[in-house]
Amino acid sequence: MQYCTACQKAIATIVITEVSGGSVTGQQHVCAACAELLGIGAPKPAKLSAEILEDLLGSMKGSRPRPARSEACPGCGMKLADFRGKGRLGCPRCYDTFRQELMPLLQRIHEAQSHRGRLPAVLPETGATSDDRQLTELRRRLEEAVRGERYEEAARLRDELRRAERGGND
């Protein structure tokens, strides 16, 4: 233990290291009270204003604040306040538990409240349908099987691709 070099009374908890030209030229050991008098202190965590938090969580201006729910997720014990603080859910059951609060947030972020997959049912630029996507997927899997020298799988995929190209009639 080392005592504060400024007051010589309290135990030093902060070390001030002086560096010049890339090498250490001196050190001072000070207590928290003396460090505060010197204008040196431990960094305080940044506090987010309520306005910033509301924007991050998707609250819209003009909407009235919702009463805080004390309900906890039965899967992990997370509360809605915890989600608002962390920005992450604790487990898959949280989605069901906090569904009512999550829906407006999902609507704002994704412009939809349900997941529709990576591609729409009909691709606007090509007019492709889900059948076209299925054929593309079969062709990709067939090429992968041939490259991997899995010939039995490749033959099965080839036959499946032919049936699909003919419209499923066999």
N, C-alpha and C. Protein backbone atom coordinates (compact mmCIF):
# COMPACT_ATOMS: atom_id res chain seq x y z
N MET A 1 0.84 -1.18 0.00
CA MET A 1 0.00 0.00 0.00
C MET A 1 0.88 1.24 0.00
N GLN A 2 0.37 2.22 -0.70
CA GLN A 2 1.12 3.46 -0.76
C GLN A 2 0.21 4.60 -0.36
N TYR A 3 0.78 5.55 0.38
CA TYR A 3 0.00 6.70 0.80
C TYR A 3 0.04 7.79 -0.25
N CYS A 4 -0.97 8.66 -0.20
CA CYS A 4 -1.12 9.77 -1.14
C CYS A 4 0.09 10.69 -1.03
N THR A 5 0.69 11.02 -2.17
CA THR A 5 1.85 11.92 -2.18
C THR A 5 1.44 13.36 -1.92
N ALA A 6 0.18 13.70 -2.04
CA ALA A 6 -0.29 15.08 -1.83
C ALA A 6 -0.62 15.33 -0.36
N CYS A 7 -1.42 14.49 0.26
CA CYS A 7 -1.86 14.73 1.65
C CYS A 7 -1.10 13.87 2.66
N GLN A 8 -0.46 12.82 2.22
CA GLN A 8 0.32 11.91 3.07
C GLN A 8 -0.52 11.23 4.16
N LYS A 9 -1.85 11.25 4.02
CA LYS A 9 -2.72 10.68 5.05
C LYS A 9 -3.51 9.47 4.54
N ALA A 10 -4.15 9.62 3.39
CA ALA A 10 -5.02 8.56 2.85
C ALA A 10 -4.23 7.62 1.96
N ILE A 11 -4.81 6.45 1.76
CA ILE A 11 -4.19 5.47 0.87
C ILE A 11 -4.44 5.89 -0.58
N ALA A 12 -3.41 5.84 -1.39
CA ALA A 12 -3.51 6.25 -2.79
C ALA A 12 -4.28 5.19 -3.58
N THR A 13 -5.24 5.66 -4.36
CA THR A 13 -6.02 4.75 -5.21
C THR A 13 -5.86 5.09 -6.69
N ILE A 14 -5.21 6.22 -6.98
CA ILE A 14 -5.04 6.66 -8.37
C ILE A 14 -3.56 6.92 -8.60
N VAL A 15 -3.06 6.44 -9.72
CA VAL A 15 -1.67 6.66 -10.09
C VAL A 15 -1.66 7.57 -11.30
N ILE A 16 -0.94 8.68 -11.18
CA ILE A 16 -0.79 9.62 -12.29
C ILE A 16 0.61 9.40 -12.85
N THR A 17 0.67 9.00 -14.10
CA THR A 17 1.95 8.71 -14.74
C THR A 17 2.28 9.82 -15.71
N GLU A 18 3.48 10.40 -15.57
CA GLU A 18 3.93 11.45 -16.47
C GLU A 18 4.77 10.80 -17.56
N VAL A 19 4.42 11.08 -18.81
CA VAL A 19 5.13 10.50 -19.94
C VAL A 19 5.68 11.63 -20.80
N SER A 20 6.94 11.52 -21.18
CA SER A 20 7.57 12.52 -22.04
C SER A 20 8.43 11.80 -23.06
N GLY A 21 8.19 12.05 -24.31
CA GLY A 21 8.98 11.44 -25.37
C GLY A 21 8.86 9.93 -25.43
N GLY A 22 7.72 9.42 -25.00
CA GLY A 22 7.48 7.98 -25.08
C GLY A 22 8.00 7.21 -23.88
N SER A 23 8.61 7.89 -22.92
CA SER A 23 9.09 7.16 -21.74
C SER A 23 8.50 7.79 -20.48
N VAL A 24 8.38 7.02 -19.43
CA VAL A 24 7.80 7.47 -18.17
C VAL A 24 8.83 8.33 -17.46
N THR A 25 8.42 9.56 -17.09
CA THR A 25 9.33 10.48 -16.41
C THR A 25 9.00 10.63 -14.93
N GLY A 26 7.80 10.23 -14.52
CA GLY A 26 7.46 10.35 -13.12
C GLY A 26 6.10 9.78 -12.82
N GLN A 27 5.85 9.53 -11.53
CA GLN A 27 4.57 9.01 -11.10
C GLN A 27 4.15 9.68 -9.80
N GLN A 28 2.86 9.90 -9.67
CA GLN A 28 2.29 10.40 -8.42
C GLN A 28 1.18 9.46 -8.01
N HIS A 29 1.14 9.15 -6.73
CA HIS A 29 0.09 8.31 -6.18
C HIS A 29 -0.77 9.22 -5.33
N VAL A 30 -2.07 9.32 -5.68
CA VAL A 30 -2.96 10.22 -4.94
C VAL A 30 -4.23 9.50 -4.53
N CYS A 31 -4.84 10.02 -3.48
CA CYS A 31 -6.13 9.49 -3.03
C CYS A 31 -7.24 10.12 -3.87
N ALA A 32 -8.44 9.61 -3.76
CA ALA A 32 -9.56 10.10 -4.56
C ALA A 32 -9.87 11.56 -4.25
N ALA A 33 -9.78 11.95 -2.98
CA ALA A 33 -10.10 13.33 -2.59
C ALA A 33 -9.10 14.30 -3.19
N CYS A 34 -7.82 13.98 -3.12
CA CYS A 34 -6.79 14.86 -3.69
C CYS A 34 -6.87 14.89 -5.21
N ALA A 35 -7.20 13.77 -5.81
CA ALA A 35 -7.34 13.72 -7.27
C ALA A 35 -8.47 14.63 -7.71
N GLU A 36 -9.55 14.66 -6.92
CA GLU A 36 -10.67 15.54 -7.26
C GLU A 36 -10.26 17.00 -7.13
N LEU A 37 -9.47 17.32 -6.11
CA LEU A 37 -8.97 18.69 -5.94
C LEU A 37 -8.05 19.09 -7.09
N LEU A 38 -7.31 18.12 -7.61
CA LEU A 38 -6.42 18.39 -8.74
C LEU A 38 -7.16 18.42 -10.08
N GLY A 39 -8.44 18.08 -10.05
CA GLY A 39 -9.22 18.06 -11.28
C GLY A 39 -9.11 16.76 -12.03
N ILE A 40 -8.63 15.75 -11.33
CA ILE A 40 -8.49 14.43 -11.93
C ILE A 40 -9.45 13.51 -11.22
N GLY A 41 -10.22 12.79 -11.97
CA GLY A 41 -11.16 11.88 -11.35
C GLY A 41 -11.41 10.69 -12.25
N ALA A 42 -12.03 9.70 -11.67
CA ALA A 42 -12.39 8.53 -12.45
C ALA A 42 -13.46 8.93 -13.45
N PRO A 43 -13.36 8.44 -14.69
CA PRO A 43 -14.38 8.80 -15.68
C PRO A 43 -15.74 8.26 -15.26
N LYS A 44 -16.72 9.13 -15.37
CA LYS A 44 -18.08 8.73 -15.01
C LYS A 44 -18.78 8.22 -16.26
N PRO A 45 -19.62 7.19 -16.11
CA PRO A 45 -20.31 6.66 -17.28
C PRO A 45 -21.25 7.71 -17.86
N ALA A 46 -21.30 7.74 -19.17
CA ALA A 46 -22.17 8.70 -19.85
C ALA A 46 -23.62 8.34 -19.59
N LYS A 47 -24.40 9.36 -19.29
CA LYS A 47 -25.82 9.13 -19.05
C LYS A 47 -26.58 9.55 -20.31
N LEU A 48 -27.45 8.68 -20.75
CA LEU A 48 -28.26 8.98 -21.92
C LEU A 48 -29.52 9.70 -21.46
N SER A 49 -29.85 10.75 -22.15
CA SER A 49 -31.06 11.46 -21.79
C SER A 49 -32.28 10.63 -22.17
N ALA A 50 -33.39 10.92 -21.52
CA ALA A 50 -34.62 10.19 -21.80
C ALA A 50 -35.00 10.35 -23.27
N GLU A 51 -34.72 11.52 -23.82
CA GLU A 51 -35.06 11.80 -25.22
C GLU A 51 -34.28 10.87 -26.16
N ILE A 52 -33.00 10.68 -25.89
CA ILE A 52 -32.19 9.80 -26.73
C ILE A 52 -32.64 8.36 -26.57
N LEU A 53 -32.90 7.93 -25.35
CA LEU A 53 -33.37 6.56 -25.12
C LEU A 53 -34.68 6.29 -25.84
N GLU A 54 -35.60 7.24 -25.78
CA GLU A 54 -36.89 7.06 -26.46
C GLU A 54 -36.68 6.92 -27.95
N ASP A 55 -35.76 7.71 -28.51
CA ASP A 55 -35.50 7.62 -29.94
C ASP A 55 -34.87 6.28 -30.28
N LEU A 56 -33.94 5.81 -29.45
CA LEU A 56 -33.30 4.52 -29.70
C LEU A 56 -34.30 3.37 -29.63
N LEU A 57 -35.25 3.47 -28.72
CA LEU A 57 -36.22 2.40 -28.55
C LEU A 57 -37.43 2.54 -29.46
N GLY A 58 -37.44 3.58 -30.26
CA GLY A 58 -38.49 3.68 -31.26
C GLY A 58 -39.75 4.40 -30.81
N SER A 59 -39.71 5.05 -29.69
CA SER A 59 -40.90 5.81 -29.29
C SER A 59 -41.05 6.99 -30.23
N MET A 60 -42.28 7.27 -30.60
CA MET A 60 -42.53 8.38 -31.49
C MET A 60 -43.00 9.58 -30.69
N LYS A 61 -42.59 10.76 -31.13
CA LYS A 61 -43.02 11.98 -30.44
C LYS A 61 -44.53 12.09 -30.52
N GLY A 62 -45.10 12.58 -29.47
CA GLY A 62 -46.54 12.76 -29.44
C GLY A 62 -47.26 11.56 -28.86
N SER A 63 -46.57 10.43 -28.75
CA SER A 63 -47.25 9.27 -28.18
C SER A 63 -47.16 9.37 -26.67
N ARG A 64 -48.19 8.93 -26.02
CA ARG A 64 -48.19 9.03 -24.56
C ARG A 64 -47.37 7.87 -23.99
N PRO A 65 -46.67 8.12 -22.90
CA PRO A 65 -45.85 7.05 -22.34
C PRO A 65 -46.70 5.91 -21.82
N ARG A 66 -46.20 4.71 -22.02
CA ARG A 66 -46.91 3.52 -21.57
C ARG A 66 -46.59 3.28 -20.10
N PRO A 67 -47.54 2.78 -19.37
CA PRO A 67 -47.23 2.46 -17.97
C PRO A 67 -46.22 1.31 -17.93
N ALA A 68 -45.28 1.41 -17.00
CA ALA A 68 -44.24 0.39 -16.89
C ALA A 68 -44.85 -0.93 -16.42
N ARG A 69 -44.49 -2.00 -17.14
CA ARG A 69 -44.97 -3.33 -16.75
C ARG A 69 -43.92 -3.98 -15.88
N SER A 70 -44.36 -4.62 -14.85
CA SER A 70 -43.41 -5.30 -13.97
C SER A 70 -43.33 -6.79 -14.31
N GLU A 71 -44.05 -7.21 -15.35
CA GLU A 71 -44.05 -8.62 -15.74
C GLU A 71 -42.65 -9.04 -16.18
N ALA A 72 -42.24 -10.20 -15.74
CA ALA A 72 -40.93 -10.73 -16.11
C ALA A 72 -41.11 -11.92 -17.03
N CYS A 73 -40.14 -12.13 -17.90
CA CYS A 73 -40.17 -13.28 -18.82
C CYS A 73 -40.04 -14.56 -18.01
N PRO A 74 -40.92 -15.54 -18.25
CA PRO A 74 -40.82 -16.79 -17.51
C PRO A 74 -39.60 -17.62 -17.88
N GLY A 75 -38.99 -17.33 -19.02
CA GLY A 75 -37.83 -18.10 -19.45
C GLY A 75 -36.53 -17.65 -18.80
N CYS A 76 -36.32 -16.32 -18.75
CA CYS A 76 -35.04 -15.81 -18.26
C CYS A 76 -35.16 -14.82 -17.11
N GLY A 77 -36.40 -14.38 -16.83
CA GLY A 77 -36.60 -13.44 -15.73
C GLY A 77 -36.39 -11.98 -16.11
N MET A 78 -36.13 -11.71 -17.38
CA MET A 78 -35.90 -10.34 -17.81
C MET A 78 -37.19 -9.53 -17.72
N LYS A 79 -37.06 -8.28 -17.32
CA LYS A 79 -38.20 -7.37 -17.26
C LYS A 79 -38.09 -6.38 -18.41
N LEU A 80 -39.19 -5.73 -18.71
CA LEU A 80 -39.22 -4.77 -19.81
C LEU A 80 -38.21 -3.65 -19.58
N ALA A 81 -38.07 -3.22 -18.34
CA ALA A 81 -37.10 -2.17 -18.02
C ALA A 81 -35.68 -2.63 -18.35
N ASP A 82 -35.39 -3.91 -18.12
CA ASP A 82 -34.07 -4.45 -18.45
C ASP A 82 -33.83 -4.39 -19.96
N PHE A 83 -34.87 -4.75 -20.74
CA PHE A 83 -34.75 -4.70 -22.21
C PHE A 83 -34.50 -3.26 -22.66
N ARG A 84 -35.24 -2.33 -22.09
CA ARG A 84 -35.05 -0.93 -22.47
C ARG A 84 -33.66 -0.44 -22.13
N GLY A 85 -33.09 -0.94 -21.06
CA GLY A 85 -31.74 -0.53 -20.67
C GLY A 85 -30.67 -1.16 -21.53
N LYS A 86 -30.82 -2.45 -21.84
CA LYS A 86 -29.80 -3.18 -22.59
C LYS A 86 -30.00 -3.11 -24.09
N GLY A 87 -31.27 -3.06 -24.52
CA GLY A 87 -31.54 -3.08 -25.95
C GLY A 87 -31.53 -4.47 -26.54
N ARG A 88 -31.45 -5.50 -25.68
CA ARG A 88 -31.44 -6.89 -26.15
C ARG A 88 -32.37 -7.71 -25.27
N LEU A 89 -32.99 -8.69 -25.89
CA LEU A 89 -33.85 -9.60 -25.14
C LEU A 89 -33.00 -10.72 -24.57
N GLY A 90 -33.53 -11.36 -23.53
CA GLY A 90 -32.76 -12.38 -22.85
C GLY A 90 -32.89 -13.78 -23.42
N CYS A 91 -34.06 -14.12 -23.98
CA CYS A 91 -34.27 -15.47 -24.49
C CYS A 91 -35.42 -15.44 -25.51
N PRO A 92 -35.67 -16.54 -26.22
CA PRO A 92 -36.74 -16.56 -27.21
C PRO A 92 -38.13 -16.31 -26.61
N ARG A 93 -38.35 -16.69 -25.35
CA ARG A 93 -39.67 -16.49 -24.75
C ARG A 93 -39.97 -15.01 -24.50
N CYS A 94 -38.93 -14.17 -24.47
CA CYS A 94 -39.12 -12.73 -24.29
C CYS A 94 -39.98 -12.15 -25.41
N TYR A 95 -39.84 -12.72 -26.62
CA TYR A 95 -40.61 -12.21 -27.76
C TYR A 95 -42.11 -12.36 -27.51
N ASP A 96 -42.52 -13.48 -26.91
CA ASP A 96 -43.93 -13.68 -26.60
C ASP A 96 -44.36 -12.83 -25.42
N THR A 97 -43.51 -12.76 -24.40
CA THR A 97 -43.84 -12.04 -23.18
C THR A 97 -44.02 -10.54 -23.46
N PHE A 98 -43.13 -9.96 -24.24
CA PHE A 98 -43.14 -8.52 -24.48
C PHE A 98 -43.66 -8.16 -25.88
N ARG A 99 -44.45 -9.04 -26.45
CA ARG A 99 -44.97 -8.86 -27.81
C ARG A 99 -45.64 -7.50 -28.00
N GLN A 100 -46.49 -7.11 -27.07
CA GLN A 100 -47.24 -5.87 -27.18
C GLN A 100 -46.31 -4.66 -27.28
N GLU A 101 -45.22 -4.68 -26.54
CA GLU A 101 -44.28 -3.56 -26.57
C GLU A 101 -43.34 -3.63 -27.77
N LEU A 102 -43.06 -4.84 -28.25
CA LEU A 102 -42.12 -5.01 -29.35
C LEU A 102 -42.71 -4.66 -30.72
N MET A 103 -44.02 -4.88 -30.88
CA MET A 103 -44.63 -4.68 -32.20
C MET A 103 -44.43 -3.26 -32.75
N PRO A 104 -44.68 -2.21 -31.97
CA PRO A 104 -44.44 -0.87 -32.53
C PRO A 104 -42.97 -0.63 -32.87
N LEU A 105 -42.08 -1.20 -32.07
CA LEU A 105 -40.65 -1.06 -32.33
C LEU A 105 -40.27 -1.77 -33.63
N LEU A 106 -40.76 -2.99 -33.83
CA LEU A 106 -40.48 -3.72 -35.08
C LEU A 106 -41.07 -3.00 -36.29
N GLN A 107 -42.27 -2.44 -36.12
CA GLN A 107 -42.91 -1.71 -37.22
C GLN A 107 -42.04 -0.53 -37.63
N ARG A 108 -41.48 0.16 -36.65
CA ARG A 108 -40.68 1.34 -36.96
C ARG A 108 -39.34 0.94 -37.60
N ILE A 109 -38.71 -0.09 -37.08
CA ILE A 109 -37.39 -0.48 -37.57
C ILE A 109 -37.47 -1.18 -38.93
N HIS A 110 -38.38 -2.17 -39.05
CA HIS A 110 -38.43 -3.01 -40.25
C HIS A 110 -39.55 -2.65 -41.21
N GLU A 111 -40.37 -1.68 -40.82
CA GLU A 111 -41.52 -1.27 -41.62
C GLU A 111 -42.49 -2.41 -41.85
N ALA A 112 -42.49 -3.37 -40.94
CA ALA A 112 -43.42 -4.49 -40.97
C ALA A 112 -43.41 -5.13 -39.59
N GLN A 113 -44.48 -5.83 -39.27
CA GLN A 113 -44.54 -6.50 -37.97
C GLN A 113 -44.36 -8.01 -38.09
N SER A 114 -44.10 -8.48 -39.29
CA SER A 114 -43.86 -9.91 -39.47
C SER A 114 -42.71 -10.09 -40.44
N HIS A 115 -41.98 -11.17 -40.26
CA HIS A 115 -40.85 -11.48 -41.14
C HIS A 115 -41.37 -12.15 -42.40
N ARG A 116 -40.98 -11.63 -43.54
CA ARG A 116 -41.47 -12.16 -44.80
C ARG A 116 -40.37 -12.86 -45.59
N GLY A 117 -39.22 -13.06 -45.01
CA GLY A 117 -38.13 -13.72 -45.71
C GLY A 117 -37.26 -12.71 -46.42
N ARG A 118 -36.22 -13.23 -47.06
CA ARG A 118 -35.28 -12.34 -47.72
C ARG A 118 -35.81 -11.82 -49.04
N LEU A 119 -36.68 -12.58 -49.69
CA LEU A 119 -37.18 -12.19 -51.00
C LEU A 119 -38.70 -12.11 -50.97
N PRO A 120 -39.28 -11.16 -51.68
CA PRO A 120 -40.74 -11.11 -51.76
C PRO A 120 -41.28 -12.28 -52.58
N ALA A 121 -42.60 -12.50 -52.53
CA ALA A 121 -43.22 -13.60 -53.26
C ALA A 121 -42.97 -13.48 -54.76
N VAL A 122 -42.99 -12.26 -55.31
CA VAL A 122 -42.68 -12.02 -56.71
C VAL A 122 -41.62 -10.95 -56.76
N LEU A 123 -40.50 -11.24 -57.41
CA LEU A 123 -39.44 -10.26 -57.52
C LEU A 123 -39.86 -9.21 -58.54
N PRO A 124 -39.91 -7.93 -58.15
CA PRO A 124 -40.43 -6.90 -59.04
C PRO A 124 -39.64 -6.74 -60.35
N GLU A 125 -38.30 -6.83 -60.29
CA GLU A 125 -37.54 -6.58 -61.51
C GLU A 125 -37.57 -7.75 -62.48
N THR A 126 -37.77 -8.98 -61.99
CA THR A 126 -37.74 -10.13 -62.89
C THR A 126 -39.09 -10.81 -63.02
N GLY A 127 -39.97 -10.57 -62.07
CA GLY A 127 -41.25 -11.26 -62.08
C GLY A 127 -41.13 -12.69 -61.61
N ALA A 128 -39.99 -13.05 -60.97
CA ALA A 128 -39.76 -14.42 -60.52
C ALA A 128 -40.70 -14.78 -59.39
N THR A 129 -41.12 -16.03 -59.37
CA THR A 129 -42.03 -16.52 -58.33
C THR A 129 -41.28 -17.48 -57.43
N SER A 130 -41.99 -18.02 -56.46
CA SER A 130 -41.37 -18.97 -55.54
C SER A 130 -40.94 -20.24 -56.28
N ASP A 131 -41.65 -20.62 -57.36
CA ASP A 131 -41.24 -21.78 -58.16
C ASP A 131 -39.87 -21.54 -58.80
N ASP A 132 -39.66 -20.31 -59.29
CA ASP A 132 -38.37 -19.96 -59.88
C ASP A 132 -37.27 -20.04 -58.84
N ARG A 133 -37.57 -19.59 -57.64
CA ARG A 133 -36.58 -19.65 -56.57
C ARG A 133 -36.27 -21.10 -56.21
N GLN A 134 -37.29 -21.96 -56.23
CA GLN A 134 -37.08 -23.37 -55.92
C GLN A 134 -36.16 -24.01 -56.98
N LEU A 135 -36.39 -23.69 -58.25
CA LEU A 135 -35.53 -24.22 -59.31
C LEU A 135 -34.09 -23.73 -59.14
N THR A 136 -33.94 -22.47 -58.83
CA THR A 136 -32.60 -21.91 -58.62
C THR A 136 -31.90 -22.62 -57.48
N GLU A 137 -32.63 -22.86 -56.39
CA GLU A 137 -32.06 -23.54 -55.23
C GLU A 137 -31.66 -24.98 -55.59
N LEU A 138 -32.52 -25.68 -56.35
CA LEU A 138 -32.18 -27.05 -56.77
C LEU A 138 -30.93 -27.06 -57.64
N ARG A 139 -30.83 -26.11 -58.56
CA ARG A 139 -29.64 -26.04 -59.42
C ARG A 139 -28.38 -25.78 -58.60
N ARG A 140 -28.48 -24.91 -57.63
CA ARG A 140 -27.34 -24.60 -56.77
C ARG A 140 -26.90 -25.84 -55.99
N ARG A 141 -27.88 -26.54 -55.41
CA ARG A 141 -27.57 -27.76 -54.65
C ARG A 141 -26.97 -28.84 -55.54
N LEU A 142 -27.47 -28.94 -56.79
CA LEU A 142 -26.95 -29.92 -57.74
C LEU A 142 -25.48 -29.62 -58.05
N GLU A 143 -25.16 -28.36 -58.34
CA GLU A 143 -23.77 -27.97 -58.61
C GLU A 143 -22.87 -28.26 -57.42
N GLU A 144 -23.38 -27.98 -56.24
CA GLU A 144 -22.61 -28.22 -55.02
C GLU A 144 -22.33 -29.72 -54.83
N ALA A 145 -23.33 -30.55 -55.11
CA ALA A 145 -23.16 -31.99 -54.99
C ALA A 145 -22.14 -32.51 -55.99
N VAL A 146 -22.17 -32.00 -57.23
CA VAL A 146 -21.22 -32.44 -58.25
C VAL A 146 -19.81 -32.01 -57.86
N ARG A 147 -19.66 -30.76 -57.40
CA ARG A 147 -18.34 -30.30 -56.98
C ARG A 147 -17.80 -31.11 -55.81
N GLY A 148 -18.69 -31.52 -54.91
CA GLY A 148 -18.29 -32.33 -53.77
C GLY A 148 -18.18 -33.81 -54.09
N GLU A 149 -18.40 -34.18 -55.36
CA GLU A 149 -18.33 -35.56 -55.83
C GLU A 149 -19.28 -36.48 -55.08
N ARG A 150 -20.45 -35.95 -54.76
CA ARG A 150 -21.53 -36.75 -54.14
C ARG A 150 -22.51 -37.09 -55.26
N TYR A 151 -22.15 -38.09 -56.05
CA TYR A 151 -22.86 -38.38 -57.30
C TYR A 151 -24.26 -38.95 -57.09
N GLU A 152 -24.46 -39.72 -56.04
CA GLU A 152 -25.80 -40.25 -55.79
C GLU A 152 -26.77 -39.11 -55.45
N GLU A 153 -26.30 -38.19 -54.61
CA GLU A 153 -27.12 -37.04 -54.28
C GLU A 153 -27.36 -36.17 -55.52
N ALA A 154 -26.33 -36.03 -56.35
CA ALA A 154 -26.43 -35.23 -57.57
C ALA A 154 -27.47 -35.83 -58.52
N ALA A 155 -27.48 -37.16 -58.64
CA ALA A 155 -28.45 -37.81 -59.53
C ALA A 155 -29.87 -37.60 -59.00
N ARG A 156 -30.04 -37.71 -57.69
CA ARG A 156 -31.36 -37.49 -57.09
C ARG A 156 -31.82 -36.05 -57.31
N LEU A 157 -30.91 -35.09 -57.13
CA LEU A 157 -31.24 -33.68 -57.34
C LEU A 157 -31.53 -33.39 -58.81
N ARG A 158 -30.80 -34.04 -59.72
CA ARG A 158 -31.03 -33.87 -61.15
C ARG A 158 -32.45 -34.31 -61.51
N ASP A 159 -32.85 -35.48 -60.98
CA ASP A 159 -34.21 -35.98 -61.25
C ASP A 159 -35.26 -35.06 -60.65
N GLU A 160 -35.00 -34.58 -59.46
CA GLU A 160 -35.94 -33.67 -58.79
C GLU A 160 -36.05 -32.36 -59.58
N LEU A 161 -34.93 -31.87 -60.10
CA LEU A 161 -34.92 -30.65 -60.90
C LEU A 161 -35.71 -30.84 -62.19
N ARG A 162 -35.55 -31.97 -62.83
CA ARG A 162 -36.30 -32.25 -64.07
C ARG A 162 -37.80 -32.29 -63.81
N ARG A 163 -38.19 -32.95 -62.70
CA ARG A 163 -39.62 -32.99 -62.35
C ARG A 163 -40.16 -31.59 -62.09
N ALA A 164 -39.39 -30.79 -61.39
CA ALA A 164 -39.83 -29.43 -61.07
C ALA A 164 -39.92 -28.58 -62.33
N GLU A 165 -38.99 -28.75 -63.27
CA GLU A 165 -39.02 -27.99 -64.52
C GLU A 165 -40.23 -28.34 -65.37
N ARG A 166 -40.69 -29.61 -65.30
CA ARG A 166 -41.85 -30.05 -66.05
C ARG A 166 -43.14 -29.68 -65.34
N GLY A 167 -43.02 -29.07 -64.18
CA GLY A 167 -44.23 -28.68 -63.45
C GLY A 167 -44.71 -29.72 -62.48
N GLY A 168 -43.84 -30.61 -62.09
CA GLY A 168 -44.21 -31.62 -61.09
C GLY A 168 -44.92 -32.82 -61.66
N ASN A 169 -45.20 -32.85 -62.94
CA ASN A 169 -45.88 -34.01 -63.56
C ASN A 169 -44.85 -35.07 -63.88
N ASP A 170 -45.15 -36.31 -63.52
CA ASP A 170 -44.20 -37.38 -63.83
C ASP A 170 -44.91 -38.65 -64.25
